[in-house]
């Protein structure tokens, strides 16, 4: 099998990518399995994982890897499910579950040595796992170097990931710039460059990187959010921040991006910097309506003298 879902499953795949998980689940549960059972198990497993139903996710993703043991994609996401399982088990079981995650990630890389996402997941595992579970920085660097031999740009992105984990922002920025110079003009490459520049408080360069990320893929909502966040930190380009955060809030939720309550909170901060207190208060109230436990929004609203 390839890395793209069969054509007859595309409607469900599109629903999944649009974060319409309930409707996507209904689709995959209603369609006949035929020869595409592995793909159906994969998507249903991903939906369960998104809903924090980890045991169900592992069961379906195991089924997908058993049906197609040559799929790097299926092995990768089985590993991701095991990573989530680590937080659910007691101390004595964590090591065995972690080793299952590592085995799945290593298998994904073995099956797809040029697959950036598989390498990224394995690098992340090595960086975060203790030595007793097979972790270690040297192993992470080895993976980045191996990737660099196959794809220079992607290898530099992985090195950037390693330095992000170490909060070595200047070196991380250098690696992401090298990735871009080597030909990776993806939205993700510019996004991560913007993120590390933001951490370095190089505001103008961060703005430029996030704008480049948006230009490369206008659908990458995280870049709109981070541009707004940069505006708050730098107290500059506030009008552009209002545009970006407002656009962000108008779009359907996107996997991996901050929840809407955080965007309302950030937008409130921008309005406050513009001395538009009534608009700021309205955004803080929207954040609290979505998440009554959002303490930052509550404190900001109280500081304005509003309730």
C-alpha atoms as a PDB file:
ATOM      1  CA  UNK A   1       0.000   0.000   0.000  1.00  0.00           C
ATOM      2  CA  UNK A   2       1.045   3.591  -0.566  1.00  0.00           C
ATOM      3  CA  UNK A   3       0.961   6.567   1.741  1.00  0.00           C
ATOM      4  CA  UNK A   4      -2.300   7.996   0.397  1.00  0.00           C
ATOM      5  CA  UNK A   5      -5.720   6.673   1.280  1.00  0.00           C
ATOM      6  CA  UNK A   6      -7.652   4.794  -1.423  1.00  0.00           C
ATOM      7  CA  UNK A   7      -9.853   7.028  -3.546  1.00  0.00           C
ATOM      8  CA  UNK A   8     -13.117   5.646  -2.160  1.00  0.00           C
ATOM      9  CA  UNK A   9     -12.046   6.645   1.359  1.00  0.00           C
ATOM     10  CA  UNK A  10     -11.138  10.222   0.409  1.00  0.00           C
ATOM     11  CA  UNK A  11     -14.429  11.721   1.723  1.00  0.00           C
ATOM     12  CA  UNK A  12     -13.669  10.345   5.179  1.00  0.00           C
ATOM     13  CA  UNK A  13     -10.020  11.391   4.960  1.00  0.00           C
ATOM     14  CA  UNK A  14     -11.074  14.938   4.105  1.00  0.00           C
ATOM     15  CA  UNK A  15     -13.467  15.016   7.073  1.00  0.00           C
ATOM     16  CA  UNK A  16     -10.657  13.806   9.312  1.00  0.00           C
ATOM     17  CA  UNK A  17      -8.253  16.473   8.076  1.00  0.00           C
ATOM     18  CA  UNK A  18     -10.963  19.091   8.670  1.00  0.00           C
ATOM     19  CA  UNK A  19     -11.186  17.892  12.301  1.00  0.00           C
ATOM     20  CA  UNK A  20     -14.787  16.732  11.803  1.00  0.00           C
ATOM     21  CA  UNK A  21     -14.041  13.591  13.743  1.00  0.00           C
ATOM     22  CA  UNK A  22     -17.569  12.459  14.624  1.00  0.00           C
ATOM     23  CA  UNK A  23     -18.713  12.639  11.016  1.00  0.00           C
ATOM     24  CA  UNK A  24     -15.498  10.997   9.812  1.00  0.00           C
ATOM     25  CA  UNK A  25     -15.984   8.144  12.294  1.00  0.00           C
ATOM     26  CA  UNK A  26     -19.536   7.642  11.057  1.00  0.00           C
ATOM     27  CA  UNK A  27     -18.220   7.472   7.494  1.00  0.00           C
ATOM     28  CA  UNK A  28     -15.513   4.891   8.234  1.00  0.00           C
ATOM     29  CA  UNK A  29     -17.867   2.759  10.316  1.00  0.00           C
ATOM     30  CA  UNK A  30     -20.419   2.680   7.506  1.00  0.00           C
ATOM     31  CA  UNK A  31     -18.166   2.001   4.522  1.00  0.00           C
ATOM     32  CA  UNK A  32     -17.475  -1.588   3.500  1.00  0.00           C
ATOM     33  CA  UNK A  33     -13.995  -2.765   4.449  1.00  0.00           C
ATOM     34  CA  UNK A  34     -13.152  -4.740   1.340  1.00  0.00           C
ATOM     35  CA  UNK A  35      -9.430  -4.605   0.658  1.00  0.00           C
ATOM     36  CA  UNK A  36      -9.102  -1.267   2.458  1.00  0.00           C
ATOM     37  CA  UNK A  37      -9.552  -2.540   6.002  1.00  0.00           C
ATOM     38  CA  UNK A  38      -6.062  -1.455   7.040  1.00  0.00           C
ATOM     39  CA  UNK A  39      -6.787   2.125   6.018  1.00  0.00           C
ATOM     40  CA  UNK A  40     -10.138   2.123   7.784  1.00  0.00           C
ATOM     41  CA  UNK A  41      -8.487   0.821  10.967  1.00  0.00           C
ATOM     42  CA  UNK A  42      -5.816   3.513  10.597  1.00  0.00           C
ATOM     43  CA  UNK A  43      -8.289   6.391  10.374  1.00  0.00           C
ATOM     44  CA  UNK A  44     -10.558   5.044  13.110  1.00  0.00           C
ATOM     45  CA  UNK A  45      -7.486   4.589  15.291  1.00  0.00           C
ATOM     46  CA  UNK A  46      -6.400   8.171  14.634  1.00  0.00           C
ATOM     47  CA  UNK A  47      -9.903   9.410  15.507  1.00  0.00           C
ATOM     48  CA  UNK A  48      -9.839   7.479  18.786  1.00  0.00           C
ATOM     49  CA  UNK A  49      -6.403   8.901  19.513  1.00  0.00           C
ATOM     50  CA  UNK A  50      -7.660  12.426  18.889  1.00  0.00           C
ATOM     51  CA  UNK A  51     -10.429  11.742  21.408  1.00  0.00           C
ATOM     52  CA  UNK A  52      -7.947  10.431  23.998  1.00  0.00           C
ATOM     53  CA  UNK A  53      -9.422   6.930  23.681  1.00  0.00           C
ATOM     54  CA  UNK A  54      -5.955   5.457  23.698  1.00  0.00           C
ATOM     55  CA  UNK A  55      -6.698   1.756  24.166  1.00  0.00           C
ATOM     56  CA  UNK A  56      -9.195   1.793  21.312  1.00  0.00           C
ATOM     57  CA  UNK A  57      -6.661   3.661  19.171  1.00  0.00           C
ATOM     58  CA  UNK A  58      -3.933   1.122  19.883  1.00  0.00           C
ATOM     59  CA  UNK A  59      -6.253  -1.744  18.999  1.00  0.00           C
ATOM     60  CA  UNK A  60      -7.206  -0.288  15.630  1.00  0.00           C
ATOM     61  CA  UNK A  61      -3.688   0.878  14.779  1.00  0.00           C
ATOM     62  CA  UNK A  62      -2.282  -2.541  15.689  1.00  0.00           C
ATOM     63  CA  UNK A  63      -4.808  -4.044  13.314  1.00  0.00           C
ATOM     64  CA  UNK A  64      -3.691  -1.690  10.547  1.00  0.00           C
ATOM     65  CA  UNK A  65      -0.020  -2.610  10.992  1.00  0.00           C
ATOM     66  CA  UNK A  66      -0.854  -6.312  11.051  1.00  0.00           C
ATOM     67  CA  UNK A  67      -2.845  -5.984   7.848  1.00  0.00           C
ATOM     68  CA  UNK A  68      -0.058  -3.995   6.192  1.00  0.00           C
ATOM     69  CA  UNK A  69       3.262  -4.568   7.972  1.00  0.00           C
ATOM     70  CA  UNK A  70       5.101  -2.634   5.233  1.00  0.00           C
ATOM     71  CA  UNK A  71       3.406   0.703   5.949  1.00  0.00           C
ATOM     72  CA  UNK A  72       5.685   3.282   7.547  1.00  0.00           C
ATOM     73  CA  UNK A  73       2.661   5.522   8.175  1.00  0.00           C
ATOM     74  CA  UNK A  74       0.751   2.894  10.146  1.00  0.00           C
ATOM     75  CA  UNK A  75       3.826   2.011  12.241  1.00  0.00           C
ATOM     76  CA  UNK A  76       4.421   5.707  12.959  1.00  0.00           C
ATOM     77  CA  UNK A  77       0.944   6.280  14.348  1.00  0.00           C
ATOM     78  CA  UNK A  78       0.967   3.086  16.377  1.00  0.00           C
ATOM     79  CA  UNK A  79       4.098   4.536  17.987  1.00  0.00           C
ATOM     80  CA  UNK A  80       2.301   7.824  18.646  1.00  0.00           C
ATOM     81  CA  UNK A  81      -0.536   5.924  20.332  1.00  0.00           C
ATOM     82  CA  UNK A  82       1.926   4.114  22.582  1.00  0.00           C
ATOM     83  CA  UNK A  83       3.492   7.460  23.526  1.00  0.00           C
ATOM     84  CA  UNK A  84       0.103   8.661  24.739  1.00  0.00           C
ATOM     85  CA  UNK A  85      -0.393   5.378  26.586  1.00  0.00           C
ATOM     86  CA  UNK A  86       2.774   6.007  28.630  1.00  0.00           C
ATOM     87  CA  UNK A  87       0.989   8.743  30.581  1.00  0.00           C
ATOM     88  CA  UNK A  88      -1.920   6.426  31.414  1.00  0.00           C
ATOM     89  CA  UNK A  89      -0.067   3.481  32.934  1.00  0.00           C
ATOM     90  CA  UNK A  90       1.580   3.061  36.306  1.00  0.00           C
ATOM     91  CA  UNK A  91       5.290   3.504  36.859  1.00  0.00           C
ATOM     92  CA  UNK A  92       6.097  -0.201  36.559  1.00  0.00           C
ATOM     93  CA  UNK A  93       4.479  -0.444  33.104  1.00  0.00           C
ATOM     94  CA  UNK A  94       5.851   2.754  31.593  1.00  0.00           C
ATOM     95  CA  UNK A  95       9.106   1.172  30.438  1.00  0.00           C
ATOM     96  CA  UNK A  96       7.436  -1.646  28.517  1.00  0.00           C
ATOM     97  CA  UNK A  97       5.021   0.725  26.793  1.00  0.00           C
ATOM     98  CA  UNK A  98       7.851   3.138  25.946  1.00  0.00           C
ATOM     99  CA  UNK A  99       9.810   0.315  24.335  1.00  0.00           C
ATOM    100  CA  UNK A 100       6.776  -0.513  22.179  1.00  0.00           C
ATOM    101  CA  UNK A 101       6.682   3.115  21.052  1.00  0.00           C
ATOM    102  CA  UNK A 102      10.376   3.066  20.225  1.00  0.00           C
ATOM    103  CA  UNK A 103      10.047  -0.203  18.309  1.00  0.00           C
ATOM    104  CA  UNK A 104       7.181   1.241  16.261  1.00  0.00           C
ATOM    105  CA  UNK A 105       9.081   4.443  15.450  1.00  0.00           C
ATOM    106  CA  UNK A 106      12.220   2.527  14.519  1.00  0.00           C
ATOM    107  CA  UNK A 107      10.139   0.269  12.295  1.00  0.00           C
ATOM    108  CA  UNK A 108       8.569   3.318  10.641  1.00  0.00           C
ATOM    109  CA  UNK A 109      12.013   4.725   9.842  1.00  0.00           C
ATOM    110  CA  UNK A 110      13.199   1.341   8.576  1.00  0.00           C
ATOM    111  CA  UNK A 111      10.229   1.169   6.216  1.00  0.00           C
ATOM    112  CA  UNK A 112      10.428   4.822   5.175  1.00  0.00           C
ATOM    113  CA  UNK A 113      13.977   6.126   5.585  1.00  0.00           C
ATOM    114  CA  UNK A 114      13.114   9.326   3.676  1.00  0.00           C
ATOM    115  CA  UNK A 115       9.908   9.908   5.649  1.00  0.00           C
ATOM    116  CA  UNK A 116      10.501  13.109   7.613  1.00  0.00           C
ATOM    117  CA  UNK A 117       7.599  12.542  10.012  1.00  0.00           C
ATOM    118  CA  UNK A 118       8.875   9.081  10.942  1.00  0.00           C
ATOM    119  CA  UNK A 119      12.369  10.458  11.574  1.00  0.00           C
ATOM    120  CA  UNK A 120      10.924  13.391  13.506  1.00  0.00           C
ATOM    121  CA  UNK A 121       8.977  11.067  15.777  1.00  0.00           C
ATOM    122  CA  UNK A 122      12.008   8.863  16.421  1.00  0.00           C
ATOM    123  CA  UNK A 123      14.213  11.896  17.116  1.00  0.00           C
ATOM    124  CA  UNK A 124      11.597  13.170  19.552  1.00  0.00           C
ATOM    125  CA  UNK A 125      11.505   9.808  21.295  1.00  0.00           C
ATOM    126  CA  UNK A 126      15.279   9.651  21.652  1.00  0.00           C
ATOM    127  CA  UNK A 127      15.369  13.198  23.040  1.00  0.00           C
ATOM    128  CA  UNK A 128      12.658  12.631  25.635  1.00  0.00           C
ATOM    129  CA  UNK A 129      13.103   9.017  26.696  1.00  0.00           C
ATOM    130  CA  UNK A 130      15.545   8.052  29.457  1.00  0.00           C
ATOM    131  CA  UNK A 131      18.540   5.908  28.583  1.00  0.00           C
ATOM    132  CA  UNK A 132      16.928   2.842  30.161  1.00  0.00           C
ATOM    133  CA  UNK A 133      14.118   3.137  27.578  1.00  0.00           C
ATOM    134  CA  UNK A 134      16.560   3.559  24.712  1.00  0.00           C
ATOM    135  CA  UNK A 135      16.720   7.344  24.661  1.00  0.00           C
ATOM    136  CA  UNK A 136      19.767   9.558  24.190  1.00  0.00           C
ATOM    137  CA  UNK A 137      20.834  12.724  22.406  1.00  0.00           C
ATOM    138  CA  UNK A 138      23.508  10.917  20.402  1.00  0.00           C
ATOM    139  CA  UNK A 139      20.868   8.654  18.908  1.00  0.00           C
ATOM    140  CA  UNK A 140      18.773  11.669  17.960  1.00  0.00           C
ATOM    141  CA  UNK A 141      21.746  13.301  16.248  1.00  0.00           C
ATOM    142  CA  UNK A 142      22.499  10.057  14.414  1.00  0.00           C
ATOM    143  CA  UNK A 143      18.987  10.098  12.977  1.00  0.00           C
ATOM    144  CA  UNK A 144      19.344  13.728  11.883  1.00  0.00           C
ATOM    145  CA  UNK A 145      22.689  12.973  10.231  1.00  0.00           C
ATOM    146  CA  UNK A 146      21.267   9.909   8.485  1.00  0.00           C
ATOM    147  CA  UNK A 147      18.407  12.044   7.174  1.00  0.00           C
ATOM    148  CA  UNK A 148      20.827  14.713   6.032  1.00  0.00           C
ATOM    149  CA  UNK A 149      22.560  12.181   3.775  1.00  0.00           C
ATOM    150  CA  UNK A 150      19.217  11.467   2.103  1.00  0.00           C
ATOM    151  CA  UNK A 151      17.732  14.977   2.217  1.00  0.00           C
ATOM    152  CA  UNK A 152      19.934  17.857   3.347  1.00  0.00           C
ATOM    153  CA  UNK A 153      17.079  20.230   4.123  1.00  0.00           C
ATOM    154  CA  UNK A 154      15.132  17.720   6.199  1.00  0.00           C
ATOM    155  CA  UNK A 155      18.290  16.772   8.075  1.00  0.00           C
ATOM    156  CA  UNK A 156      18.795  20.409   9.069  1.00  0.00           C
ATOM    157  CA  UNK A 157      15.168  20.601  10.192  1.00  0.00           C
ATOM    158  CA  UNK A 158      15.746  17.631  12.479  1.00  0.00           C
ATOM    159  CA  UNK A 159      18.862  19.276  13.885  1.00  0.00           C
ATOM    160  CA  UNK A 160      16.747  22.351  14.482  1.00  0.00           C
ATOM    161  CA  UNK A 161      14.286  20.162  16.382  1.00  0.00           C
ATOM    162  CA  UNK A 162      17.099  18.885  18.599  1.00  0.00           C
ATOM    163  CA  UNK A 163      18.242  22.411  19.437  1.00  0.00           C
ATOM    164  CA  UNK A 164      14.657  23.526  20.112  1.00  0.00           C
ATOM    165  CA  UNK A 165      14.414  20.775  22.704  1.00  0.00           C
ATOM    166  CA  UNK A 166      17.596  22.160  24.284  1.00  0.00           C
ATOM    167  CA  UNK A 167      16.294  25.741  24.026  1.00  0.00           C
ATOM    168  CA  UNK A 168      19.396  26.701  22.077  1.00  0.00           C
ATOM    169  CA  UNK A 169      17.481  29.221  20.017  1.00  0.00           C
ATOM    170  CA  UNK A 170      20.322  30.763  18.013  1.00  0.00           C
ATOM    171  CA  UNK A 171      21.681  27.420  16.827  1.00  0.00           C
ATOM    172  CA  UNK A 172      18.150  26.207  16.103  1.00  0.00           C
ATOM    173  CA  UNK A 173      17.533  29.313  13.966  1.00  0.00           C
ATOM    174  CA  UNK A 174      20.728  28.618  12.050  1.00  0.00           C
ATOM    175  CA  UNK A 175      19.592  25.054  11.332  1.00  0.00           C
ATOM    176  CA  UNK A 176      16.161  26.145  10.104  1.00  0.00           C
ATOM    177  CA  UNK A 177      17.757  28.783   7.881  1.00  0.00           C
ATOM    178  CA  UNK A 178      20.060  26.103   6.468  1.00  0.00           C
ATOM    179  CA  UNK A 179      17.020  23.914   5.796  1.00  0.00           C
ATOM    180  CA  UNK A 180      15.325  26.764   3.917  1.00  0.00           C
ATOM    181  CA  UNK A 181      18.511  27.574   2.002  1.00  0.00           C
ATOM    182  CA  UNK A 182      18.774  23.896   1.050  1.00  0.00           C
ATOM    183  CA  UNK A 183      15.373  24.068  -0.614  1.00  0.00           C
ATOM    184  CA  UNK A 184      12.736  23.498   2.062  1.00  0.00           C
ATOM    185  CA  UNK A 185      10.388  26.417   1.469  1.00  0.00           C
ATOM    186  CA  UNK A 186       7.558  24.698   3.322  1.00  0.00           C
ATOM    187  CA  UNK A 187       5.214  26.507   5.655  1.00  0.00           C
ATOM    188  CA  UNK A 188       6.454  24.296   8.508  1.00  0.00           C
ATOM    189  CA  UNK A 189      10.096  25.254   7.982  1.00  0.00           C
ATOM    190  CA  UNK A 190       9.272  28.968   8.108  1.00  0.00           C
ATOM    191  CA  UNK A 191       6.956  28.396  11.075  1.00  0.00           C
ATOM    192  CA  UNK A 192       9.688  26.820  13.176  1.00  0.00           C
ATOM    193  CA  UNK A 193      12.162  29.477  12.134  1.00  0.00           C
ATOM    194  CA  UNK A 194       9.641  32.079  13.291  1.00  0.00           C
ATOM    195  CA  UNK A 195       9.111  30.250  16.575  1.00  0.00           C
ATOM    196  CA  UNK A 196      12.787  30.137  17.514  1.00  0.00           C
ATOM    197  CA  UNK A 197      13.287  33.756  16.449  1.00  0.00           C
ATOM    198  CA  UNK A 198      10.327  34.664  18.658  1.00  0.00           C
ATOM    199  CA  UNK A 199      12.018  32.913  21.568  1.00  0.00           C
ATOM    200  CA  UNK A 200      15.173  34.919  20.822  1.00  0.00           C
ATOM    201  CA  UNK A 201      13.095  38.136  20.810  1.00  0.00           C
ATOM    202  CA  UNK A 202      14.201  38.881  17.258  1.00  0.00           C
ATOM    203  CA  UNK A 203      10.772  40.273  16.560  1.00  0.00           C
ATOM    204  CA  UNK A 204      11.192  41.640  13.031  1.00  0.00           C
ATOM    205  CA  UNK A 205      12.750  38.423  11.770  1.00  0.00           C
ATOM    206  CA  UNK A 206      10.064  36.373  13.509  1.00  0.00           C
ATOM    207  CA  UNK A 207       7.321  38.417  11.823  1.00  0.00           C
ATOM    208  CA  UNK A 208       9.011  37.901   8.459  1.00  0.00           C
ATOM    209  CA  UNK A 209       9.245  34.143   9.001  1.00  0.00           C
ATOM    210  CA  UNK A 210       5.592  33.782  10.022  1.00  0.00           C
ATOM    211  CA  UNK A 211       4.510  35.856   7.024  1.00  0.00           C
ATOM    212  CA  UNK A 212       6.576  33.558   4.800  1.00  0.00           C
ATOM    213  CA  UNK A 213       4.916  30.564   6.445  1.00  0.00           C
ATOM    214  CA  UNK A 214       1.477  32.003   5.658  1.00  0.00           C
ATOM    215  CA  UNK A 215       2.526  32.783   2.090  1.00  0.00           C
ATOM    216  CA  UNK A 216       3.738  29.200   1.640  1.00  0.00           C
ATOM    217  CA  UNK A 217       0.484  27.771   2.994  1.00  0.00           C
ATOM    218  CA  UNK A 218      -2.386  30.081   3.862  1.00  0.00           C
ATOM    219  CA  UNK A 219      -4.073  27.153   5.579  1.00  0.00           C
ATOM    220  CA  UNK A 220      -1.409  26.766   8.258  1.00  0.00           C
ATOM    221  CA  UNK A 221      -3.393  28.412  11.049  1.00  0.00           C
ATOM    222  CA  UNK A 222      -0.661  28.090  13.668  1.00  0.00           C
ATOM    223  CA  UNK A 223       1.347  30.769  11.872  1.00  0.00           C
ATOM    224  CA  UNK A 224      -1.510  33.287  12.176  1.00  0.00           C
ATOM    225  CA  UNK A 225      -1.715  32.589  15.887  1.00  0.00           C
ATOM    226  CA  UNK A 226       2.030  32.910  16.418  1.00  0.00           C
ATOM    227  CA  UNK A 227       2.159  36.147  14.447  1.00  0.00           C
ATOM    228  CA  UNK A 228      -0.459  37.527  16.820  1.00  0.00           C
ATOM    229  CA  UNK A 229       1.492  36.225  19.787  1.00  0.00           C
ATOM    230  CA  UNK A 230       4.649  37.899  18.490  1.00  0.00           C
ATOM    231  CA  UNK A 231       2.746  41.184  18.205  1.00  0.00           C
ATOM    232  CA  UNK A 232       1.740  40.928  21.864  1.00  0.00           C
ATOM    233  CA  UNK A 233       5.288  40.256  23.010  1.00  0.00           C
ATOM    234  CA  UNK A 234       6.811  42.977  20.831  1.00  0.00           C
ATOM    235  CA  UNK A 235       3.925  45.464  21.218  1.00  0.00           C
ATOM    236  CA  UNK A 236       4.142  46.113  17.488  1.00  0.00           C
ATOM    237  CA  UNK A 237       2.246  45.388  14.242  1.00  0.00           C
ATOM    238  CA  UNK A 238      -0.953  45.307  16.258  1.00  0.00           C
ATOM    239  CA  UNK A 239      -3.287  45.906  13.309  1.00  0.00           C
ATOM    240  CA  UNK A 240      -1.809  42.910  11.528  1.00  0.00           C
ATOM    241  CA  UNK A 241      -2.225  40.877  14.718  1.00  0.00           C
ATOM    242  CA  UNK A 242      -5.947  41.728  14.814  1.00  0.00           C
ATOM    243  CA  UNK A 243      -6.255  40.551  11.192  1.00  0.00           C
ATOM    244  CA  UNK A 244      -4.430  37.288  11.866  1.00  0.00           C
ATOM    245  CA  UNK A 245      -6.141  36.369  15.120  1.00  0.00           C
ATOM    246  CA  UNK A 246      -9.570  37.294  13.763  1.00  0.00           C
ATOM    247  CA  UNK A 247      -8.948  35.120  10.707  1.00  0.00           C
ATOM    248  CA  UNK A 248      -7.719  32.314  12.962  1.00  0.00           C
ATOM    249  CA  UNK A 249     -10.929  32.415  14.969  1.00  0.00           C
ATOM    250  CA  UNK A 250     -13.091  32.342  11.841  1.00  0.00           C
ATOM    251  CA  UNK A 251     -11.614  29.023  10.689  1.00  0.00           C
ATOM    252  CA  UNK A 252     -12.566  25.481  11.743  1.00  0.00           C
ATOM    253  CA  UNK A 253     -10.242  24.045  14.419  1.00  0.00           C
ATOM    254  CA  UNK A 254      -7.008  22.615  13.090  1.00  0.00           C
ATOM    255  CA  UNK A 255      -5.188  19.701  14.684  1.00  0.00           C
ATOM    256  CA  UNK A 256      -2.144  20.802  16.646  1.00  0.00           C
ATOM    257  CA  UNK A 257      -3.123  24.476  16.804  1.00  0.00           C
ATOM    258  CA  UNK A 258      -4.081  26.369  19.995  1.00  0.00           C
ATOM    259  CA  UNK A 259      -7.704  26.226  21.074  1.00  0.00           C
ATOM    260  CA  UNK A 260     -10.023  29.150  20.329  1.00  0.00           C
ATOM    261  CA  UNK A 261     -10.068  30.366  23.935  1.00  0.00           C
ATOM    262  CA  UNK A 262      -6.340  31.069  23.755  1.00  0.00           C
ATOM    263  CA  UNK A 263      -6.788  33.021  20.527  1.00  0.00           C
ATOM    264  CA  UNK A 264      -9.570  35.108  22.086  1.00  0.00           C
ATOM    265  CA  UNK A 265      -7.279  35.817  25.048  1.00  0.00           C
ATOM    266  CA  UNK A 266      -4.444  36.880  22.737  1.00  0.00           C
ATOM    267  CA  UNK A 267      -6.770  39.037  20.674  1.00  0.00           C
ATOM    268  CA  UNK A 268      -7.959  40.677  23.882  1.00  0.00           C
ATOM    269  CA  UNK A 269      -4.351  41.468  24.754  1.00  0.00           C
ATOM    270  CA  UNK A 270      -3.852  43.084  21.348  1.00  0.00           C
ATOM    271  CA  UNK A 271      -6.961  45.230  21.779  1.00  0.00           C
ATOM    272  CA  UNK A 272      -5.766  46.221  25.229  1.00  0.00           C
ATOM    273  CA  UNK A 273      -2.433  47.348  23.762  1.00  0.00           C
ATOM    274  CA  UNK A 274      -4.465  49.448  21.304  1.00  0.00           C
ATOM    275  CA  UNK A 275      -6.362  51.029  24.233  1.00  0.00           C
ATOM    276  CA  UNK A 276      -9.587  49.388  23.065  1.00  0.00           C
ATOM    277  CA  UNK A 277     -10.608  48.120  26.481  1.00  0.00           C
ATOM    278  CA  UNK A 278     -14.220  47.311  25.656  1.00  0.00           C
ATOM    279  CA  UNK A 279     -13.154  45.096  22.756  1.00  0.00           C
ATOM    280  CA  UNK A 280     -10.468  43.528  24.941  1.00  0.00           C
ATOM    281  CA  UNK A 281     -12.995  42.722  27.660  1.00  0.00           C
ATOM    282  CA  UNK A 282     -15.317  41.161  25.093  1.00  0.00           C
ATOM    283  CA  UNK A 283     -12.541  38.831  23.925  1.00  0.00           C
ATOM    284  CA  UNK A 284     -11.610  37.842  27.476  1.00  0.00           C
ATOM    285  CA  UNK A 285     -15.272  37.006  28.139  1.00  0.00           C
ATOM    286  CA  UNK A 286     -15.357  34.851  24.994  1.00  0.00           C
ATOM    287  CA  UNK A 287     -12.270  33.001  26.210  1.00  0.00           C
ATOM    288  CA  UNK A 288     -13.910  32.362  29.576  1.00  0.00           C
ATOM    289  CA  UNK A 289     -17.162  31.263  27.952  1.00  0.00           C
ATOM    290  CA  UNK A 290     -15.198  28.565  26.142  1.00  0.00           C
ATOM    291  CA  UNK A 291     -13.027  27.698  29.137  1.00  0.00           C
ATOM    292  CA  UNK A 292     -14.173  28.979  32.547  1.00  0.00           C
ATOM    293  CA  UNK A 293     -10.845  27.815  34.028  1.00  0.00           C
ATOM    294  CA  UNK A 294      -8.765  30.103  31.782  1.00  0.00           C
ATOM    295  CA  UNK A 295      -7.031  32.010  34.568  1.00  0.00           C
ATOM    296  CA  UNK A 296      -5.044  34.327  32.295  1.00  0.00           C
ATOM    297  CA  UNK A 297      -8.244  35.613  30.679  1.00  0.00           C
ATOM    298  CA  UNK A 298      -9.912  35.934  34.082  1.00  0.00           C
ATOM    299  CA  UNK A 299      -7.006  37.960  35.490  1.00  0.00           C
ATOM    300  CA  UNK A 300      -6.887  40.170  32.398  1.00  0.00           C
ATOM    301  CA  UNK A 301     -10.611  40.856  32.637  1.00  0.00           C
ATOM    302  CA  UNK A 302     -10.335  41.686  36.330  1.00  0.00           C
ATOM    303  CA  UNK A 303      -7.408  44.032  35.660  1.00  0.00           C
ATOM    304  CA  UNK A 304      -9.642  45.952  33.258  1.00  0.00           C
ATOM    305  CA  UNK A 305     -12.165  46.370  36.040  1.00  0.00           C
ATOM    306  CA  UNK A 306     -14.680  44.173  34.242  1.00  0.00           C
ATOM    307  CA  UNK A 307     -16.434  40.977  35.212  1.00  0.00           C
END
